[in-house]
Amino acid sequence: MSSADEAPVAEIPGDTLRTGLLDRFREVLGDALVDSHLKAGDDLWLRIRSDSWRAAGHAARQLGFDYFCFLSAID
């Protein structure tokens, strides 16, 4: 099969909204943002040092969030 006959490879859709939010949290929290997981088109998880939870809450509020629904901690 020649390259002209090959089907084009579909691009993986991006998630500019959640990527932008992640970038903003990185700017505000720096190394207090320990880890993150972005599930494109669905959700964004952030792992933040416990001493920076308050700063993360303030950052979320500044980004327009007004509802907090989940916090998990590991001891």
PDB file of N, CA and C in Angstrom:
ATOM      1  N   MET A   1       0.844  -1.164   0.000  1.00  0.00           N
ATOM      2  CA  MET A   1       0.000   0.000   0.000  1.00  0.00           C
ATOM      3  C   MET A   1       0.895   1.234   0.000  1.00  0.00           C
ATOM      4  N   SER A   2       0.631   2.161  -0.875  1.00  0.00           N
ATOM      5  CA  SER A   2       1.444   3.371  -0.949  1.00  0.00           C
ATOM      6  C   SER A   2       0.994   4.371   0.114  1.00  0.00           C
ATOM      7  N   SER A   3       1.850   5.355   0.397  1.00  0.00           N
ATOM      8  CA  SER A   3       1.517   6.350   1.415  1.00  0.00           C
ATOM      9  C   SER A   3       0.282   7.156   1.038  1.00  0.00           C
ATOM     10  N   ALA A   4      -0.020   7.268  -0.246  1.00  0.00           N
ATOM     11  CA  ALA A   4      -1.215   7.996  -0.692  1.00  0.00           C
ATOM     12  C   ALA A   4      -2.479   7.226  -0.329  1.00  0.00           C
ATOM     13  N   ASP A   5      -2.371   5.893  -0.174  1.00  0.00           N
ATOM     14  CA  ASP A   5      -3.527   5.067   0.150  1.00  0.00           C
ATOM     15  C   ASP A   5      -3.758   4.919   1.656  1.00  0.00           C
ATOM     16  N   GLU A   6      -2.798   5.337   2.446  1.00  0.00           N
ATOM     17  CA  GLU A   6      -2.916   5.169   3.896  1.00  0.00           C
ATOM     18  C   GLU A   6      -3.913   6.171   4.469  1.00  0.00           C
ATOM     19  N   ALA A   7      -4.691   5.687   5.412  1.00  0.00           N
ATOM     20  CA  ALA A   7      -5.665   6.552   6.079  1.00  0.00           C
ATOM     21  C   ALA A   7      -4.920   7.542   6.980  1.00  0.00           C
ATOM     22  N   PRO A   8      -5.400   8.775   7.055  1.00  0.00           N
ATOM     23  CA  PRO A   8      -4.737   9.747   7.929  1.00  0.00           C
ATOM     24  C   PRO A   8      -4.869   9.330   9.395  1.00  0.00           C
ATOM     25  N   VAL A   9      -3.848   9.602  10.155  1.00  0.00           N
ATOM     26  CA  VAL A   9      -3.857   9.296  11.579  1.00  0.00           C
ATOM     27  C   VAL A   9      -4.678  10.363  12.282  1.00  0.00           C
ATOM     28  N   ALA A  10      -5.645   9.929  13.057  1.00  0.00           N
ATOM     29  CA  ALA A  10      -6.486  10.872  13.794  1.00  0.00           C
ATOM     30  C   ALA A  10      -5.683  11.500  14.924  1.00  0.00           C
ATOM     31  N   GLU A  11      -5.828  12.790  15.089  1.00  0.00           N
ATOM     32  CA  GLU A  11      -5.147  13.477  16.176  1.00  0.00           C
ATOM     33  C   GLU A  11      -5.927  13.289  17.470  1.00  0.00           C
ATOM     34  N   ILE A  12      -5.207  13.183  18.544  1.00  0.00           N
ATOM     35  CA  ILE A  12      -5.841  13.092  19.852  1.00  0.00           C
ATOM     36  C   ILE A  12      -6.356  14.486  20.199  1.00  0.00           C
ATOM     37  N   PRO A  13      -7.634  14.602  20.546  1.00  0.00           N
ATOM     38  CA  PRO A  13      -8.162  15.937  20.840  1.00  0.00           C
ATOM     39  C   PRO A  13      -7.502  16.525  22.084  1.00  0.00           C
ATOM     40  N   GLY A  14      -7.268  17.810  22.046  1.00  0.00           N
ATOM     41  CA  GLY A  14      -6.679  18.492  23.189  1.00  0.00           C
ATOM     42  C   GLY A  14      -7.739  18.916  24.186  1.00  0.00           C
ATOM     43  N   ASP A  15      -7.289  19.445  25.271  1.00  0.00           N
ATOM     44  CA  ASP A  15      -8.191  19.937  26.302  1.00  0.00           C
ATOM     45  C   ASP A  15      -7.614  21.248  26.805  1.00  0.00           C
ATOM     46  N   THR A  16      -7.814  22.295  26.031  1.00  0.00           N
ATOM     47  CA  THR A  16      -7.191  23.581  26.346  1.00  0.00           C
ATOM     48  C   THR A  16      -7.721  24.176  27.642  1.00  0.00           C
ATOM     49  N   LEU A  17      -8.982  23.928  27.972  1.00  0.00           N
ATOM     50  CA  LEU A  17      -9.536  24.462  29.217  1.00  0.00           C
ATOM     51  C   LEU A  17      -8.786  23.905  30.426  1.00  0.00           C
ATOM     52  N   ARG A  18      -8.708  22.593  30.529  1.00  0.00           N
ATOM     53  CA  ARG A  18      -8.057  21.973  31.690  1.00  0.00           C
ATOM     54  C   ARG A  18      -6.553  22.177  31.672  1.00  0.00           C
ATOM     55  N   THR A  19      -5.949  22.188  30.504  1.00  0.00           N
ATOM     56  CA  THR A  19      -4.513  22.469  30.411  1.00  0.00           C
ATOM     57  C   THR A  19      -4.226  23.882  30.913  1.00  0.00           C
ATOM     58  N   GLY A  20      -5.075  24.835  30.558  1.00  0.00           N
ATOM     59  CA  GLY A  20      -4.915  26.205  31.036  1.00  0.00           C
ATOM     60  C   GLY A  20      -5.061  26.302  32.540  1.00  0.00           C
ATOM     61  N   LEU A  21      -6.023  25.568  33.101  1.00  0.00           N
ATOM     62  CA  LEU A  21      -6.200  25.558  34.557  1.00  0.00           C
ATOM     63  C   LEU A  21      -4.971  24.970  35.239  1.00  0.00           C
ATOM     64  N   LEU A  22      -4.461  23.882  34.707  1.00  0.00           N
ATOM     65  CA  LEU A  22      -3.269  23.256  35.268  1.00  0.00           C
ATOM     66  C   LEU A  22      -2.088  24.220  35.221  1.00  0.00           C
ATOM     67  N   ASP A  23      -1.913  24.891  34.105  1.00  0.00           N
ATOM     68  CA  ASP A  23      -0.826  25.873  33.984  1.00  0.00           C
ATOM     69  C   ASP A  23      -0.963  26.981  35.017  1.00  0.00           C
ATOM     70  N   ARG A  24      -2.177  27.454  35.227  1.00  0.00           N
ATOM     71  CA  ARG A  24      -2.404  28.530  36.207  1.00  0.00           C
ATOM     72  C   ARG A  24      -2.092  28.055  37.621  1.00  0.00           C
ATOM     73  N   PHE A  25      -2.520  26.858  37.970  1.00  0.00           N
ATOM     74  CA  PHE A  25      -2.201  26.322  39.300  1.00  0.00           C
ATOM     75  C   PHE A  25      -0.690  26.146  39.462  1.00  0.00           C
ATOM     76  N   ARG A  26      -0.013  25.717  38.399  1.00  0.00           N
ATOM     77  CA  ARG A  26       1.454  25.594  38.466  1.00  0.00           C
ATOM     78  C   ARG A  26       2.103  26.946  38.736  1.00  0.00           C
ATOM     79  N   GLU A  27       1.614  27.990  38.071  1.00  0.00           N
ATOM     80  CA  GLU A  27       2.151  29.339  38.278  1.00  0.00           C
ATOM     81  C   GLU A  27       1.971  29.787  39.721  1.00  0.00           C
ATOM     82  N   VAL A  28       0.790  29.576  40.260  1.00  0.00           N
ATOM     83  CA  VAL A  28       0.466  30.059  41.604  1.00  0.00           C
ATOM     84  C   VAL A  28       1.122  29.214  42.694  1.00  0.00           C
ATOM     85  N   LEU A  29       1.116  27.899  42.534  1.00  0.00           N
ATOM     86  CA  LEU A  29       1.554  27.003  43.603  1.00  0.00           C
ATOM     87  C   LEU A  29       3.005  26.549  43.498  1.00  0.00           C
ATOM     88  N   GLY A  30       3.592  26.668  42.330  1.00  0.00           N
ATOM     89  CA  GLY A  30       4.988  26.259  42.173  1.00  0.00           C
ATOM     90  C   GLY A  30       5.191  24.803  42.548  1.00  0.00           C
ATOM     91  N   ASP A  31       6.217  24.527  43.356  1.00  0.00           N
ATOM     92  CA  ASP A  31       6.543  23.144  43.711  1.00  0.00           C
ATOM     93  C   ASP A  31       5.579  22.538  44.730  1.00  0.00           C
ATOM     94  N   ALA A  32       4.615  23.322  45.215  1.00  0.00           N
ATOM     95  CA  ALA A  32       3.572  22.774  46.084  1.00  0.00           C
ATOM     96  C   ALA A  32       2.605  21.899  45.295  1.00  0.00           C
ATOM     97  N   LEU A  33       2.578  22.067  43.974  1.00  0.00           N
ATOM     98  CA  LEU A  33       1.807  21.185  43.106  1.00  0.00           C
ATOM     99  C   LEU A  33       2.685  19.966  42.833  1.00  0.00           C
ATOM    100  N   VAL A  34       2.416  18.902  43.557  1.00  0.00           N
ATOM    101  CA  VAL A  34       3.270  17.721  43.545  1.00  0.00           C
ATOM    102  C   VAL A  34       3.055  16.868  42.297  1.00  0.00           C
ATOM    103  N   ASP A  35       1.800  16.734  41.874  1.00  0.00           N
ATOM    104  CA  ASP A  35       1.483  15.872  40.741  1.00  0.00           C
ATOM    105  C   ASP A  35       0.132  16.288  40.177  1.00  0.00           C
ATOM    106  N   SER A  36      -0.139  15.847  38.966  1.00  0.00           N
ATOM    107  CA  SER A  36      -1.437  16.129  38.353  1.00  0.00           C
ATOM    108  C   SER A  36      -1.765  15.029  37.359  1.00  0.00           C
ATOM    109  N   HIS A  37      -3.050  14.916  37.077  1.00  0.00           N
ATOM    110  CA  HIS A  37      -3.516  13.982  36.054  1.00  0.00           C
ATOM    111  C   HIS A  37      -4.646  14.656  35.308  1.00  0.00           C
ATOM    112  N   LEU A  38      -4.496  14.766  34.009  1.00  0.00           N
ATOM    113  CA  LEU A  38      -5.511  15.381  33.178  1.00  0.00           C
ATOM    114  C   LEU A  38      -6.169  14.298  32.337  1.00  0.00           C
ATOM    115  N   LYS A  39      -7.464  14.140  32.516  1.00  0.00           N
ATOM    116  CA  LYS A  39      -8.248  13.223  31.691  1.00  0.00           C
ATOM    117  C   LYS A  39      -8.988  14.107  30.694  1.00  0.00           C
ATOM    118  N   ALA A  40      -8.447  14.190  29.495  1.00  0.00           N
ATOM    119  CA  ALA A  40      -8.942  15.128  28.479  1.00  0.00           C
ATOM    120  C   ALA A  40     -10.452  15.024  28.289  1.00  0.00           C
ATOM    121  N   GLY A  41     -11.093  16.183  28.295  1.00  0.00           N
ATOM    122  CA  GLY A  41     -12.526  16.252  28.085  1.00  0.00           C
ATOM    123  C   GLY A  41     -13.352  15.796  29.262  1.00  0.00           C
ATOM    124  N   ASP A  42     -12.705  15.497  30.397  1.00  0.00           N
ATOM    125  CA  ASP A  42     -13.452  14.938  31.514  1.00  0.00           C
ATOM    126  C   ASP A  42     -13.091  15.552  32.859  1.00  0.00           C
ATOM    127  N   ASP A  43     -11.822  15.502  33.261  1.00  0.00           N
ATOM    128  CA  ASP A  43     -11.487  15.900  34.624  1.00  0.00           C
ATOM    129  C   ASP A  43     -10.011  16.251  34.753  1.00  0.00           C
ATOM    130  N   LEU A  44      -9.707  16.907  35.849  1.00  0.00           N
ATOM    131  CA  LEU A  44      -8.333  17.273  36.189  1.00  0.00           C
ATOM    132  C   LEU A  44      -8.137  17.029  37.669  1.00  0.00           C
ATOM    133  N   TRP A  45      -7.120  16.248  38.009  1.00  0.00           N
ATOM    134  CA  TRP A  45      -6.787  15.981  39.400  1.00  0.00           C
ATOM    135  C   TRP A  45      -5.473  16.669  39.719  1.00  0.00           C
ATOM    136  N   LEU A  46      -5.415  17.291  40.890  1.00  0.00           N
ATOM    137  CA  LEU A  46      -4.191  17.942  41.345  1.00  0.00           C
ATOM    138  C   LEU A  46      -3.779  17.341  42.673  1.00  0.00           C
ATOM    139  N   ARG A  47      -2.503  17.060  42.835  1.00  0.00           N
ATOM    140  CA  ARG A  47      -1.962  16.601  44.118  1.00  0.00           C
ATOM    141  C   ARG A  47      -1.124  17.750  44.655  1.00  0.00           C
ATOM    142  N   ILE A  48      -1.526  18.259  45.809  1.00  0.00           N
ATOM    143  CA  ILE A  48      -0.924  19.466  46.375  1.00  0.00           C
ATOM    144  C   ILE A  48      -0.455  19.165  47.791  1.00  0.00           C
ATOM    145  N   ARG A  49       0.726  19.682  48.130  1.00  0.00           N
ATOM    146  CA  ARG A  49       1.230  19.509  49.499  1.00  0.00           C
ATOM    147  C   ARG A  49       0.202  20.054  50.493  1.00  0.00           C
ATOM    148  N   SER A  50       0.076  19.382  51.628  1.00  0.00           N
ATOM    149  CA  SER A  50      -0.936  19.767  52.615  1.00  0.00           C
ATOM    150  C   SER A  50      -0.727  21.181  53.152  1.00  0.00           C
ATOM    151  N   ASP A  51       0.503  21.673  53.168  1.00  0.00           N
ATOM    152  CA  ASP A  51       0.730  23.037  53.658  1.00  0.00           C
ATOM    153  C   ASP A  51       0.310  24.101  52.644  1.00  0.00           C
ATOM    154  N   SER A  52      -0.153  23.675  51.476  1.00  0.00           N
ATOM    155  CA  SER A  52      -0.570  24.618  50.432  1.00  0.00           C
ATOM    156  C   SER A  52      -2.033  24.477  50.046  1.00  0.00           C
ATOM    157  N   TRP A  53      -2.801  23.721  50.819  1.00  0.00           N
ATOM    158  CA  TRP A  53      -4.212  23.558  50.497  1.00  0.00           C
ATOM    159  C   TRP A  53      -4.942  24.894  50.499  1.00  0.00           C
ATOM    160  N   ARG A  54      -4.638  25.733  51.450  1.00  0.00           N
ATOM    161  CA  ARG A  54      -5.305  27.040  51.527  1.00  0.00           C
ATOM    162  C   ARG A  54      -4.982  27.877  50.285  1.00  0.00           C
ATOM    163  N   ALA A  55      -3.714  27.911  49.896  1.00  0.00           N
ATOM    164  CA  ALA A  55      -3.310  28.657  48.694  1.00  0.00           C
ATOM    165  C   ALA A  55      -4.000  28.088  47.459  1.00  0.00           C
ATOM    166  N   ALA A  56      -4.154  26.770  47.399  1.00  0.00           N
ATOM    167  CA  ALA A  56      -4.843  26.141  46.264  1.00  0.00           C
ATOM    168  C   ALA A  56      -6.311  26.555  46.241  1.00  0.00           C
ATOM    169  N   GLY A  57      -6.926  26.631  47.406  1.00  0.00           N
ATOM    170  CA  GLY A  57      -8.312  27.078  47.489  1.00  0.00           C
ATOM    171  C   GLY A  57      -8.472  28.514  47.015  1.00  0.00           C
ATOM    172  N   HIS A  58      -7.541  29.367  47.425  1.00  0.00           N
ATOM    173  CA  HIS A  58      -7.580  30.767  46.979  1.00  0.00           C
ATOM    174  C   HIS A  58      -7.366  30.860  45.467  1.00  0.00           C
ATOM    175  N   ALA A  59      -6.449  30.066  44.942  1.00  0.00           N
ATOM    176  CA  ALA A  59      -6.190  30.071  43.499  1.00  0.00           C
ATOM    177  C   ALA A  59      -7.445  29.618  42.737  1.00  0.00           C
ATOM    178  N   ALA A  60      -8.101  28.591  43.246  1.00  0.00           N
ATOM    179  CA  ALA A  60      -9.320  28.101  42.601  1.00  0.00           C
ATOM    180  C   ALA A  60     -10.400  29.179  42.615  1.00  0.00           C
ATOM    181  N   ARG A  61     -10.520  29.869  43.730  1.00  0.00           N
ATOM    182  CA  ARG A  61     -11.520  30.944  43.844  1.00  0.00           C
ATOM    183  C   ARG A  61     -11.226  32.053  42.835  1.00  0.00           C
ATOM    184  N   GLN A  62      -9.957  32.409  42.689  1.00  0.00           N
ATOM    185  CA  GLN A  62      -9.573  33.446  41.729  1.00  0.00           C
ATOM    186  C   GLN A  62      -9.853  33.026  40.288  1.00  0.00           C
ATOM    187  N   LEU A  63      -9.850  31.734  40.043  1.00  0.00           N
ATOM    188  CA  LEU A  63     -10.140  31.218  38.703  1.00  0.00           C
ATOM    189  C   LEU A  63     -11.647  31.099  38.449  1.00  0.00           C
ATOM    190  N   GLY A  64     -12.451  31.474  39.442  1.00  0.00           N
ATOM    191  CA  GLY A  64     -13.893  31.474  39.261  1.00  0.00           C
ATOM    192  C   GLY A  64     -14.633  30.280  39.834  1.00  0.00           C
ATOM    193  N   PHE A  65     -13.917  29.385  40.497  1.00  0.00           N
ATOM    194  CA  PHE A  65     -14.581  28.239  41.102  1.00  0.00           C
ATOM    195  C   PHE A  65     -15.248  28.675  42.406  1.00  0.00           C
ATOM    196  N   ASP A  66     -16.476  28.185  42.624  1.00  0.00           N
ATOM    197  CA  ASP A  66     -17.177  28.564  43.853  1.00  0.00           C
ATOM    198  C   ASP A  66     -17.800  27.368  44.568  1.00  0.00           C
ATOM    199  N   TYR A  67     -17.427  26.156  44.164  1.00  0.00           N
ATOM    200  CA  TYR A  67     -17.958  24.954  44.788  1.00  0.00           C
ATOM    201  C   TYR A  67     -16.822  23.971  45.008  1.00  0.00           C
ATOM    202  N   PHE A  68     -16.660  23.519  46.242  1.00  0.00           N
ATOM    203  CA  PHE A  68     -15.615  22.560  46.589  1.00  0.00           C
ATOM    204  C   PHE A  68     -16.306  21.239  46.932  1.00  0.00           C
ATOM    205  N   CYS A  69     -15.915  20.151  46.274  1.00  0.00           N
ATOM    206  CA  CYS A  69     -16.634  18.900  46.499  1.00  0.00           C
ATOM    207  C   CYS A  69     -15.765  17.713  46.924  1.00  0.00           C
ATOM    208  N   PHE A  70     -14.439  17.822  46.913  1.00  0.00           N
ATOM    209  CA  PHE A  70     -13.675  16.619  47.232  1.00  0.00           C
ATOM    210  C   PHE A  70     -12.289  16.961  47.750  1.00  0.00           C
ATOM    211  N   LEU A  71     -11.907  16.333  48.834  1.00  0.00           N
ATOM    212  CA  LEU A  71     -10.558  16.426  49.380  1.00  0.00           C
ATOM    213  C   LEU A  71     -10.182  15.056  49.887  1.00  0.00           C
ATOM    214  N   SER A  72      -9.002  14.624  49.556  1.00  0.00           N
ATOM    215  CA  SER A  72      -8.525  13.333  50.010  1.00  0.00           C
ATOM    216  C   SER A  72      -7.157  13.528  50.640  1.00  0.00           C
ATOM    217  N   ALA A  73      -6.857  12.764  51.667  1.00  0.00           N
ATOM    218  CA  ALA A  73      -5.563  12.868  52.328  1.00  0.00           C
ATOM    219  C   ALA A  73      -5.028  11.465  52.610  1.00  0.00           C
ATOM    220  N   ILE A  74      -3.732  11.334  52.591  1.00  0.00           N
ATOM    221  CA  ILE A  74      -3.066  10.066  52.897  1.00  0.00           C
ATOM    222  C   ILE A  74      -2.145  10.311  54.063  1.00  0.00           C
ATOM    223  N   ASP A  75      -2.241   9.469  55.066  1.00  0.00           N
ATOM    224  CA  ASP A  75      -1.409   9.607  56.254  1.00  0.00           C
ATOM    225  C   ASP A  75      -0.356   8.528  56.264  1.00  0.00           C
TER     226      ASP A  75
END
